[in-house]
Amino acid sequence: MARHLLRDGWQVRALTRDPDAAPARALARAGAQVVRARLENVGSLTAAAEGTWGLFSVQPTVGSPGTAPDFTTEDEVRWGVNVAEAAQAAGVGHLVFTSVAGADRHLSEKVPVNLVSKWRIEQRIAELGLPATILRPVSFMENFTGGYALRDGTLSTGVAPDTVQQLIAVDDVGAIAASAFAEPQEWIGRAVSLAAEELKPVQVAEAIGKALGISLPYVQIPLETIREVSEDFAYANQWLNEFGYRAEMAATRSIHPTAMDFDAWLKRTGATQISAFLSSTSRQDA
C-alpha cells in the first residue's frame, strides 16, 4: 500500500518496530519516512501519527507469518484497538482498516475466531466515531508463496480439493486502500468485501505447476491433524469448506477493474516468489 501512495505522490510515514530491518530500509529507499513505533504502545503510535492526515491499519492474525508462537486473538484485538485510539488521539482525518470478509456475519452464524477479532476492532473504530473505511479482503494469493501451503513437494492446506476458495492479491488491496485515501468523500463510512478470483485448491496447484513448469499435486491436510495443533485453525478450515467468504467479485472489479486473477498474479509476482521459496527450501534440504 505504501508503494502505491508513494507512486501517487503522497508523503508516507511508515511505522515499524525495527527501522534497520530490510523491509523498513526498502521503504526508506523508496521515499518513505520510517518511524519507530510498537503496536503494544498507544503512546508510541500516537506520537508517530501526529501531524498525519490518513492512517492505514492492518494487524496479523493467529498463525500469520512472523507472529510469535504465543500470539493470540486478544493480542490482535489489542493492537487494532491501539491503532484506532492513536488515530483518534492524533486527530487523523481518515483511517483505513483492513478487516476480513465475513467479519460482519458472526451475528448470524458461527465464524472463525479471526473473523470475530477483526469485527471487534471494527466495532471499536465505530464506537470512537472515527472517519473510517473498512476493507474486508478474502484469502490472500500470497498464502501460497511459502511454508504455510508449500511442503514436501505438494500444495497442502486444510481446504477440500473441490472447495471453491475466494482469493485476492495483497497488492490489489493496497491499490484499493490508496484509492480510498485519494477519494475520502467516496470512501469514508464504507465497508466493502474484496475478492478477485475463485479457484479450487487443485486448480491453484495446477496453475502454479504450469507457471513454474513443475509437478505440484494438491494434498488436503486432514482436519483432525490440524485440530491436534489448533482447534481454532481447524474450525477456520472447516468454515471455508462449508461456508466460505461469499464476497462479490463483480463489486470488487467495479471498484478496481485491474484486480488480478490468479494467473495474472503468478505472472507478475507470484511465480517468482514461489520459485524463490522452493529454491531456498531445496538448498536447506541438500
C-alpha atoms as a PDB file:
ATOM      1  CA  MET A   1       0.000   0.000   0.000  1.00  0.00           C
ATOM      2  CA  ALA A   2       2.819   2.416   0.864  1.00  0.00           C
ATOM      3  CA  ARG A   3       4.316   1.951  -2.583  1.00  0.00           C
ATOM      4  CA  HIS A   4       1.013   2.852  -4.240  1.00  0.00           C
ATOM      5  CA  LEU A   5       0.790   6.024  -2.159  1.00  0.00           C
ATOM      6  CA  LEU A   6       4.397   6.965  -2.920  1.00  0.00           C
ATOM      7  CA  ARG A   7       3.805   6.476  -6.646  1.00  0.00           C
ATOM      8  CA  ASP A   8       0.736   8.707  -6.366  1.00  0.00           C
ATOM      9  CA  GLY A   9       2.811  11.497  -4.839  1.00  0.00           C
ATOM     10  CA  TRP A  10       1.808  11.175  -1.177  1.00  0.00           C
ATOM     11  CA  GLN A  11       4.213  11.772   1.669  1.00  0.00           C
ATOM     12  CA  VAL A  12       4.299   8.466   3.529  1.00  0.00           C
ATOM     13  CA  ARG A  13       5.300   7.790   7.114  1.00  0.00           C
ATOM     14  CA  ALA A  14       5.927   4.072   7.655  1.00  0.00           C
ATOM     15  CA  LEU A  15       5.662   2.692  11.186  1.00  0.00           C
ATOM     16  CA  THR A  16       7.983  -0.140  12.178  1.00  0.00           C
ATOM     17  CA  ARG A  17       9.353  -1.664  15.350  1.00  0.00           C
ATOM     18  CA  ASP A  18      12.763  -2.052  13.661  1.00  0.00           C
ATOM     19  CA  PRO A  19      13.886   0.747  11.300  1.00  0.00           C
ATOM     20  CA  ASP A  20      17.010  -1.264  10.488  1.00  0.00           C
ATOM     21  CA  ALA A  21      15.086  -4.285   9.180  1.00  0.00           C
ATOM     22  CA  ALA A  22      15.286  -4.965   5.440  1.00  0.00           C
ATOM     23  CA  PRO A  23      11.614  -4.101   4.682  1.00  0.00           C
ATOM     24  CA  ALA A  24      11.933  -0.782   6.540  1.00  0.00           C
ATOM     25  CA  ARG A  25      15.144   0.097   4.718  1.00  0.00           C
ATOM     26  CA  ALA A  26      13.478  -0.712   1.391  1.00  0.00           C
ATOM     27  CA  LEU A  27      10.612   1.652   2.194  1.00  0.00           C
ATOM     28  CA  ALA A  28      13.077   4.371   3.169  1.00  0.00           C
ATOM     29  CA  ARG A  29      14.866   3.946  -0.178  1.00  0.00           C
ATOM     30  CA  ALA A  30      11.500   4.246  -1.920  1.00  0.00           C
ATOM     31  CA  GLY A  31      10.934   7.618  -0.244  1.00  0.00           C
ATOM     32  CA  ALA A  32       9.005   6.847   2.928  1.00  0.00           C
ATOM     33  CA  GLN A  33       9.820   8.384   6.288  1.00  0.00           C
ATOM     34  CA  VAL A  34      10.417   5.420   8.598  1.00  0.00           C
ATOM     35  CA  VAL A  35       9.338   5.921  12.220  1.00  0.00           C
ATOM     36  CA  ARG A  36       9.747   3.542  15.138  1.00  0.00           C
ATOM     37  CA  ALA A  37       6.541   2.549  16.943  1.00  0.00           C
ATOM     38  CA  ARG A  38       5.135  -0.521  18.667  1.00  0.00           C
ATOM     39  CA  LEU A  39       1.596  -1.792  18.351  1.00  0.00           C
ATOM     40  CA  GLU A  40       1.642  -2.647  22.049  1.00  0.00           C
ATOM     41  CA  ASN A  41       2.254   1.010  22.955  1.00  0.00           C
ATOM     42  CA  VAL A  42      -0.517   3.527  22.230  1.00  0.00           C
ATOM     43  CA  GLY A  43       1.775   6.408  23.141  1.00  0.00           C
ATOM     44  CA  SER A  44       4.348   5.470  20.517  1.00  0.00           C
ATOM     45  CA  LEU A  45       1.596   5.047  17.913  1.00  0.00           C
ATOM     46  CA  THR A  46       0.046   8.400  18.777  1.00  0.00           C
ATOM     47  CA  ALA A  47       3.406  10.161  18.549  1.00  0.00           C
ATOM     48  CA  ALA A  48       4.085   8.536  15.191  1.00  0.00           C
ATOM     49  CA  ALA A  49       0.648   9.535  13.865  1.00  0.00           C
ATOM     50  CA  GLU A  50       0.853  13.196  14.959  1.00  0.00           C
ATOM     51  CA  GLY A  51       0.521  15.553  12.013  1.00  0.00           C
ATOM     52  CA  THR A  52      -0.676  12.904   9.553  1.00  0.00           C
ATOM     53  CA  TRP A  53      -3.921  13.122   7.607  1.00  0.00           C
ATOM     54  CA  GLY A  54      -4.544   9.422   6.990  1.00  0.00           C
ATOM     55  CA  LEU A  55      -3.617   6.169   8.718  1.00  0.00           C
ATOM     56  CA  PHE A  56      -3.655   2.614   7.328  1.00  0.00           C
ATOM     57  CA  SER A  57      -4.180  -0.140   9.892  1.00  0.00           C
ATOM     58  CA  VAL A  58      -3.711  -3.885   9.489  1.00  0.00           C
ATOM     59  CA  GLN A  59      -2.793  -6.475  12.109  1.00  0.00           C
ATOM     60  CA  PRO A  60      -1.652 -10.086  11.800  1.00  0.00           C
ATOM     61  CA  THR A  61      -3.969 -12.828  12.909  1.00  0.00           C
ATOM     62  CA  VAL A  62      -3.105 -16.017  14.753  1.00  0.00           C
ATOM     63  CA  GLY A  63      -0.804 -18.141  12.609  1.00  0.00           C
ATOM     64  CA  SER A  64       0.291 -15.286  10.341  1.00  0.00           C
ATOM     65  CA  PRO A  65       3.932 -15.469   9.197  1.00  0.00           C
ATOM     66  CA  GLY A  66       6.236 -13.685  11.616  1.00  0.00           C
ATOM     67  CA  THR A  67       3.935 -13.802  14.626  1.00  0.00           C
ATOM     68  CA  ALA A  68       5.241 -15.250  17.866  1.00  0.00           C
ATOM     69  CA  PRO A  69       4.077 -18.748  18.835  1.00  0.00           C
ATOM     70  CA  ASP A  70       2.185 -17.290  21.788  1.00  0.00           C
ATOM     71  CA  PHE A  71       0.426 -14.575  19.723  1.00  0.00           C
ATOM     72  CA  THR A  72      -3.322 -14.670  20.462  1.00  0.00           C
ATOM     73  CA  THR A  73      -6.534 -13.189  19.154  1.00  0.00           C
ATOM     74  CA  GLU A  74      -6.577 -10.917  22.196  1.00  0.00           C
ATOM     75  CA  ASP A  75      -3.189  -9.542  21.103  1.00  0.00           C
ATOM     76  CA  GLU A  76      -4.599  -8.920  17.632  1.00  0.00           C
ATOM     77  CA  VAL A  77      -7.618  -7.069  19.004  1.00  0.00           C
ATOM     78  CA  ARG A  78      -5.471  -5.055  21.405  1.00  0.00           C
ATOM     79  CA  TRP A  79      -3.132  -3.975  18.605  1.00  0.00           C
ATOM     80  CA  GLY A  80      -6.002  -2.985  16.313  1.00  0.00           C
ATOM     81  CA  VAL A  81      -7.746  -1.032  19.068  1.00  0.00           C
ATOM     82  CA  ASN A  82      -4.469   0.688  19.979  1.00  0.00           C
ATOM     83  CA  VAL A  83      -4.077   1.934  16.407  1.00  0.00           C
ATOM     84  CA  ALA A  84      -7.666   3.188  16.347  1.00  0.00           C
ATOM     85  CA  GLU A  85      -7.263   5.016  19.651  1.00  0.00           C
ATOM     86  CA  ALA A  86      -3.970   6.511  18.492  1.00  0.00           C
ATOM     87  CA  ALA A  87      -5.714   7.736  15.327  1.00  0.00           C
ATOM     88  CA  GLN A  88      -8.341   9.453  17.445  1.00  0.00           C
ATOM     89  CA  ALA A  89      -5.755  10.988  19.800  1.00  0.00           C
ATOM     90  CA  ALA A  90      -3.701  12.293  16.867  1.00  0.00           C
ATOM     91  CA  GLY A  91      -6.732  13.727  15.077  1.00  0.00           C
ATOM     92  CA  VAL A  92      -6.289  11.597  11.966  1.00  0.00           C
ATOM     93  CA  GLY A  93      -8.711  12.555   9.195  1.00  0.00           C
ATOM     94  CA  HIS A  94      -9.151   9.127   7.594  1.00  0.00           C
ATOM     95  CA  LEU A  95      -8.468   5.659   8.989  1.00  0.00           C
ATOM     96  CA  VAL A  96      -8.430   2.746   6.548  1.00  0.00           C
ATOM     97  CA  PHE A  97      -8.640  -0.574   8.392  1.00  0.00           C
ATOM     98  CA  THR A  98      -8.099  -3.949   6.734  1.00  0.00           C
ATOM     99  CA  SER A  99     -10.503  -6.434   8.289  1.00  0.00           C
ATOM    100  CA  VAL A 100     -11.618  -9.715   6.668  1.00  0.00           C
ATOM    101  CA  ALA A 101     -14.554 -10.778   4.510  1.00  0.00           C
ATOM    102  CA  GLY A 102     -17.342 -12.308   6.568  1.00  0.00           C
ATOM    103  CA  ALA A 103     -16.464 -10.459   9.762  1.00  0.00           C
ATOM    104  CA  ASP A 104     -19.971  -8.996   9.855  1.00  0.00           C
ATOM    105  CA  ARG A 105     -21.583 -12.453   9.641  1.00  0.00           C
ATOM    106  CA  HIS A 106     -20.712 -13.526  13.183  1.00  0.00           C
ATOM    107  CA  LEU A 107     -24.049 -12.175  14.414  1.00  0.00           C
ATOM    108  CA  SER A 108     -25.922 -14.793  12.356  1.00  0.00           C
ATOM    109  CA  GLU A 109     -23.562 -17.781  12.230  1.00  0.00           C
ATOM    110  CA  LYS A 110     -20.586 -19.300  13.986  1.00  0.00           C
ATOM    111  CA  VAL A 111     -17.476 -17.921  12.296  1.00  0.00           C
ATOM    112  CA  PRO A 112     -13.744 -18.488  12.922  1.00  0.00           C
ATOM    113  CA  VAL A 113     -12.112 -16.544  15.746  1.00  0.00           C
ATOM    114  CA  ASN A 114     -10.038 -14.449  13.340  1.00  0.00           C
ATOM    115  CA  LEU A 115     -13.250 -13.038  11.858  1.00  0.00           C
ATOM    116  CA  VAL A 116     -14.576 -12.227  15.318  1.00  0.00           C
ATOM    117  CA  SER A 117     -11.341 -10.469  16.279  1.00  0.00           C
ATOM    118  CA  LYS A 118     -11.496  -8.246  13.192  1.00  0.00           C
ATOM    119  CA  TRP A 119     -15.148  -7.464  13.929  1.00  0.00           C
ATOM    120  CA  ARG A 120     -14.250  -6.415  17.464  1.00  0.00           C
ATOM    121  CA  ILE A 121     -11.705  -3.958  16.070  1.00  0.00           C
ATOM    122  CA  GLU A 122     -14.286  -2.679  13.577  1.00  0.00           C
ATOM    123  CA  GLN A 123     -16.723  -2.109  16.435  1.00  0.00           C
ATOM    124  CA  ARG A 124     -14.183  -0.109  18.428  1.00  0.00           C
ATOM    125  CA  ILE A 125     -13.497   2.076  15.385  1.00  0.00           C
ATOM    126  CA  ALA A 126     -17.249   2.723  15.156  1.00  0.00           C
ATOM    127  CA  GLU A 127     -17.509   3.451  18.889  1.00  0.00           C
ATOM    128  CA  LEU A 128     -14.770   6.053  18.594  1.00  0.00           C
ATOM    129  CA  GLY A 129     -16.647   7.748  15.758  1.00  0.00           C
ATOM    130  CA  LEU A 130     -13.578   7.775  13.533  1.00  0.00           C
ATOM    131  CA  PRO A 131     -13.821   8.811   9.872  1.00  0.00           C
ATOM    132  CA  ALA A 132     -13.010   5.356   8.572  1.00  0.00           C
ATOM    133  CA  THR A 133     -13.108   2.929   5.680  1.00  0.00           C
ATOM    134  CA  ILE A 134     -13.261  -0.814   6.325  1.00  0.00           C
ATOM    135  CA  LEU A 135     -11.755  -3.138   3.704  1.00  0.00           C
ATOM    136  CA  ARG A 136     -12.665  -6.821   4.055  1.00  0.00           C
ATOM    137  CA  PRO A 137     -10.475  -8.967   1.783  1.00  0.00           C
ATOM    138  CA  VAL A 138     -10.786 -12.723   1.350  1.00  0.00           C
ATOM    139  CA  SER A 139      -7.797 -15.117   1.450  1.00  0.00           C
ATOM    140  CA  PHE A 140      -4.575 -13.722   0.011  1.00  0.00           C
ATOM    141  CA  MET A 141      -2.910 -15.268  -3.025  1.00  0.00           C
ATOM    142  CA  GLU A 142       0.355 -14.734  -1.174  1.00  0.00           C
ATOM    143  CA  ASN A 143      -0.643 -17.530   1.211  1.00  0.00           C
ATOM    144  CA  PHE A 144       0.617 -19.913  -1.476  1.00  0.00           C
ATOM    145  CA  THR A 145       4.152 -18.495  -1.617  1.00  0.00           C
ATOM    146  CA  GLY A 146       5.695 -20.086   1.477  1.00  0.00           C
ATOM    147  CA  GLY A 147       5.648 -22.793   4.096  1.00  0.00           C
ATOM    148  CA  TYR A 148       2.019 -22.123   5.005  1.00  0.00           C
ATOM    149  CA  ALA A 149       0.968 -24.115   1.923  1.00  0.00           C
ATOM    150  CA  LEU A 150       4.097 -25.434   0.193  1.00  0.00           C
ATOM    151  CA  ARG A 151       5.601 -28.518   1.811  1.00  0.00           C
ATOM    152  CA  ASP A 152       7.195 -31.791   0.749  1.00  0.00           C
ATOM    153  CA  GLY A 153       6.713 -31.132  -2.956  1.00  0.00           C
ATOM    154  CA  THR A 154       2.986 -30.523  -2.634  1.00  0.00           C
ATOM    155  CA  LEU A 155       0.485 -27.737  -2.144  1.00  0.00           C
ATOM    156  CA  SER A 156      -1.191 -28.584   1.156  1.00  0.00           C
ATOM    157  CA  THR A 157      -3.925 -26.851   3.168  1.00  0.00           C
ATOM    158  CA  GLY A 158      -6.988 -27.883   5.130  1.00  0.00           C
ATOM    159  CA  VAL A 159      -9.349 -26.840   2.342  1.00  0.00           C
ATOM    160  CA  ALA A 160     -11.041 -29.717   0.486  1.00  0.00           C
ATOM    161  CA  PRO A 161      -9.729 -30.233  -3.077  1.00  0.00           C
ATOM    162  CA  ASP A 162     -13.044 -29.322  -4.738  1.00  0.00           C
ATOM    163  CA  THR A 163     -13.992 -26.418  -2.456  1.00  0.00           C
ATOM    164  CA  VAL A 164     -14.074 -23.117  -4.313  1.00  0.00           C
ATOM    165  CA  GLN A 165     -11.929 -20.615  -2.427  1.00  0.00           C
ATOM    166  CA  GLN A 166     -12.034 -16.854  -2.956  1.00  0.00           C
ATOM    167  CA  LEU A 167      -8.701 -15.071  -3.366  1.00  0.00           C
ATOM    168  CA  ILE A 168      -7.205 -11.611  -3.838  1.00  0.00           C
ATOM    169  CA  ALA A 169      -3.662 -10.296  -4.217  1.00  0.00           C
ATOM    170  CA  VAL A 170      -2.230  -8.166  -1.413  1.00  0.00           C
ATOM    171  CA  ASP A 171      -1.108  -5.583  -3.964  1.00  0.00           C
ATOM    172  CA  ASP A 172      -4.690  -5.078  -5.117  1.00  0.00           C
ATOM    173  CA  VAL A 173      -5.830  -4.462  -1.542  1.00  0.00           C
ATOM    174  CA  GLY A 174      -3.064  -1.859  -1.335  1.00  0.00           C
ATOM    175  CA  ALA A 175      -4.229  -0.221  -4.547  1.00  0.00           C
ATOM    176  CA  ILE A 176      -7.814  -0.029  -3.258  1.00  0.00           C
ATOM    177  CA  ALA A 177      -6.605   1.438   0.044  1.00  0.00           C
ATOM    178  CA  ALA A 178      -4.690   4.103  -1.882  1.00  0.00           C
ATOM    179  CA  SER A 179      -7.859   4.901  -3.839  1.00  0.00           C
ATOM    180  CA  ALA A 180      -9.756   5.288  -0.564  1.00  0.00           C
ATOM    181  CA  PHE A 181      -7.233   7.843   0.663  1.00  0.00           C
ATOM    182  CA  ALA A 182      -7.367   9.684  -2.672  1.00  0.00           C
ATOM    183  CA  GLU A 183     -11.175   9.943  -2.619  1.00  0.00           C
ATOM    184  CA  PRO A 184     -12.211  10.224   1.034  1.00  0.00           C
ATOM    185  CA  GLN A 185     -15.587  11.697   0.152  1.00  0.00           C
ATOM    186  CA  GLU A 186     -16.392   8.454  -1.679  1.00  0.00           C
ATOM    187  CA  TRP A 187     -14.964   6.085   0.897  1.00  0.00           C
ATOM    188  CA  ILE A 188     -15.382   7.331   4.456  1.00  0.00           C
ATOM    189  CA  GLY A 189     -18.175   5.377   6.109  1.00  0.00           C
ATOM    190  CA  ARG A 190     -17.953   2.410   3.714  1.00  0.00           C
ATOM    191  CA  ALA A 191     -17.232  -1.252   4.491  1.00  0.00           C
ATOM    192  CA  VAL A 192     -16.509  -3.361   1.408  1.00  0.00           C
ATOM    193  CA  SER A 193     -15.626  -7.020   0.865  1.00  0.00           C
ATOM    194  CA  LEU A 194     -12.891  -7.701  -1.706  1.00  0.00           C
ATOM    195  CA  ALA A 195     -12.355 -10.765  -3.924  1.00  0.00           C
ATOM    196  CA  ALA A 196     -10.817 -11.112  -7.393  1.00  0.00           C
ATOM    197  CA  GLU A 197     -10.648 -14.859  -8.048  1.00  0.00           C
ATOM    198  CA  GLU A 198     -12.444 -18.114  -7.255  1.00  0.00           C
ATOM    199  CA  LEU A 199     -10.473 -21.371  -7.561  1.00  0.00           C
ATOM    200  CA  LYS A 200     -10.438 -24.843  -6.119  1.00  0.00           C
ATOM    201  CA  PRO A 201      -7.160 -25.807  -4.400  1.00  0.00           C
ATOM    202  CA  VAL A 202      -6.478 -28.374  -7.124  1.00  0.00           C
ATOM    203  CA  GLN A 203      -6.772 -25.572  -9.687  1.00  0.00           C
ATOM    204  CA  VAL A 204      -4.387 -23.407  -7.670  1.00  0.00           C
ATOM    205  CA  ALA A 205      -1.847 -26.241  -7.646  1.00  0.00           C
ATOM    206  CA  GLU A 206      -2.258 -26.804 -11.382  1.00  0.00           C
ATOM    207  CA  ALA A 207      -1.793 -23.091 -12.124  1.00  0.00           C
ATOM    208  CA  ILE A 208       1.364 -22.899 -10.009  1.00  0.00           C
ATOM    209  CA  GLY A 209       2.745 -26.058 -11.564  1.00  0.00           C
ATOM    210  CA  LYS A 210       2.097 -24.751 -15.062  1.00  0.00           C
ATOM    211  CA  ALA A 211       3.689 -21.366 -14.303  1.00  0.00           C
ATOM    212  CA  LEU A 212       6.827 -22.975 -12.840  1.00  0.00           C
ATOM    213  CA  GLY A 213       6.977 -25.976 -15.149  1.00  0.00           C
ATOM    214  CA  ILE A 214       6.825 -28.457 -12.283  1.00  0.00           C
ATOM    215  CA  SER A 215       4.519 -31.116 -10.927  1.00  0.00           C
ATOM    216  CA  LEU A 216       2.732 -29.819  -7.845  1.00  0.00           C
ATOM    217  CA  PRO A 217      -0.005 -32.137  -6.559  1.00  0.00           C
ATOM    218  CA  TYR A 218      -2.566 -30.896  -4.073  1.00  0.00           C
ATOM    219  CA  VAL A 219      -2.879 -32.795  -0.791  1.00  0.00           C
ATOM    220  CA  GLN A 220      -5.536 -31.870   1.763  1.00  0.00           C
ATOM    221  CA  ILE A 221      -4.361 -31.888   5.366  1.00  0.00           C
ATOM    222  CA  PRO A 222      -6.990 -33.755   7.419  1.00  0.00           C
ATOM    223  CA  LEU A 223      -8.872 -31.500   9.804  1.00  0.00           C
ATOM    224  CA  GLU A 224      -8.126 -33.974  12.580  1.00  0.00           C
ATOM    225  CA  THR A 225      -4.414 -33.384  12.051  1.00  0.00           C
ATOM    226  CA  ILE A 226      -4.894 -29.619  12.167  1.00  0.00           C
ATOM    227  CA  ARG A 227      -7.075 -29.952  15.264  1.00  0.00           C
ATOM    228  CA  GLU A 228      -4.185 -31.593  17.120  1.00  0.00           C
ATOM    229  CA  VAL A 229      -2.316 -28.310  16.719  1.00  0.00           C
ATOM    230  CA  SER A 230      -5.168 -25.797  16.964  1.00  0.00           C
ATOM    231  CA  GLU A 231      -8.904 -26.251  17.368  1.00  0.00           C
ATOM    232  CA  ASP A 232      -9.480 -22.688  16.123  1.00  0.00           C
ATOM    233  CA  PHE A 233      -7.417 -23.203  12.972  1.00  0.00           C
ATOM    234  CA  ALA A 234      -9.203 -26.491  12.291  1.00  0.00           C
ATOM    235  CA  TYR A 235     -12.567 -24.741  12.519  1.00  0.00           C
ATOM    236  CA  ALA A 236     -11.351 -21.961  10.224  1.00  0.00           C
ATOM    237  CA  ASN A 237     -10.676 -24.569   7.545  1.00  0.00           C
ATOM    238  CA  GLN A 238     -13.979 -26.313   8.235  1.00  0.00           C
ATOM    239  CA  TRP A 239     -15.755 -22.968   7.828  1.00  0.00           C
ATOM    240  CA  LEU A 240     -14.032 -22.362   4.489  1.00  0.00           C
ATOM    241  CA  ASN A 241     -15.153 -25.812   3.339  1.00  0.00           C
ATOM    242  CA  GLU A 242     -18.771 -25.391   4.475  1.00  0.00           C
ATOM    243  CA  PHE A 243     -19.468 -21.658   4.118  1.00  0.00           C
ATOM    244  CA  GLY A 244     -16.632 -19.559   2.685  1.00  0.00           C
ATOM    245  CA  TYR A 245     -16.356 -15.804   2.324  1.00  0.00           C
ATOM    246  CA  ARG A 246     -19.109 -15.145  -0.282  1.00  0.00           C
ATOM    247  CA  ALA A 247     -17.726 -11.784  -1.422  1.00  0.00           C
ATOM    248  CA  GLU A 248     -18.980 -10.347  -4.726  1.00  0.00           C
ATOM    249  CA  MET A 249     -16.159 -10.306  -7.254  1.00  0.00           C
ATOM    250  CA  ALA A 250     -18.099  -8.058  -9.625  1.00  0.00           C
ATOM    251  CA  ALA A 251     -18.320  -5.423  -6.895  1.00  0.00           C
ATOM    252  CA  THR A 252     -14.550  -5.584  -6.379  1.00  0.00           C
ATOM    253  CA  ARG A 253     -13.892  -5.153 -10.102  1.00  0.00           C
ATOM    254  CA  SER A 254     -16.256  -2.188 -10.252  1.00  0.00           C
ATOM    255  CA  ILE A 255     -14.039  -0.579  -7.610  1.00  0.00           C
ATOM    256  CA  HIS A 256     -10.722  -1.793  -9.037  1.00  0.00           C
ATOM    257  CA  PRO A 257     -11.096  -3.049 -12.642  1.00  0.00           C
ATOM    258  CA  THR A 258      -7.455  -4.157 -12.894  1.00  0.00           C
ATOM    259  CA  ALA A 259      -7.628  -6.532  -9.918  1.00  0.00           C
ATOM    260  CA  MET A 260      -5.507  -9.563 -10.802  1.00  0.00           C
ATOM    261  CA  ASP A 261      -6.823 -13.051 -11.316  1.00  0.00           C
ATOM    262  CA  PHE A 262      -4.552 -15.873 -10.151  1.00  0.00           C
ATOM    263  CA  ASP A 263      -2.757 -16.341 -13.485  1.00  0.00           C
ATOM    264  CA  ALA A 264      -2.047 -12.613 -13.743  1.00  0.00           C
ATOM    265  CA  TRP A 265      -0.714 -12.578 -10.192  1.00  0.00           C
ATOM    266  CA  LEU A 266       1.538 -15.555 -10.915  1.00  0.00           C
ATOM    267  CA  LYS A 267       2.887 -13.810 -13.989  1.00  0.00           C
ATOM    268  CA  ARG A 268       3.501 -10.516 -12.201  1.00  0.00           C
ATOM    269  CA  THR A 269       4.986 -11.609  -8.878  1.00  0.00           C
ATOM    270  CA  GLY A 270       3.634 -14.904  -7.575  1.00  0.00           C
ATOM    271  CA  ALA A 271       5.666 -17.354  -9.632  1.00  0.00           C
ATOM    272  CA  THR A 272       8.893 -15.546  -8.755  1.00  0.00           C
ATOM    273  CA  GLN A 273       8.074 -15.616  -5.041  1.00  0.00           C
ATOM    274  CA  ILE A 274       7.111 -19.288  -5.110  1.00  0.00           C
ATOM    275  CA  SER A 275      10.198 -20.231  -7.107  1.00  0.00           C
ATOM    276  CA  ALA A 276      12.432 -18.377  -4.657  1.00  0.00           C
ATOM    277  CA  PHE A 277      10.850 -20.177  -1.699  1.00  0.00           C
ATOM    278  CA  LEU A 278      11.160 -23.605  -3.322  1.00  0.00           C
ATOM    279  CA  SER A 279      14.787 -22.906  -4.224  1.00  0.00           C
ATOM    280  CA  SER A 280      15.609 -21.853  -0.667  1.00  0.00           C
ATOM    281  CA  THR A 281      13.999 -24.965   0.820  1.00  0.00           C
ATOM    282  CA  SER A 282      15.763 -27.259  -1.621  1.00  0.00           C
ATOM    283  CA  ARG A 283      19.126 -25.730  -0.652  1.00  0.00           C
ATOM    284  CA  GLN A 284      18.317 -26.262   3.022  1.00  0.00           C
ATOM    285  CA  ASP A 285      17.423 -29.904   2.355  1.00  0.00           C
ATOM    286  CA  ALA A 286      20.598 -30.531   0.346  1.00  0.00           C
END
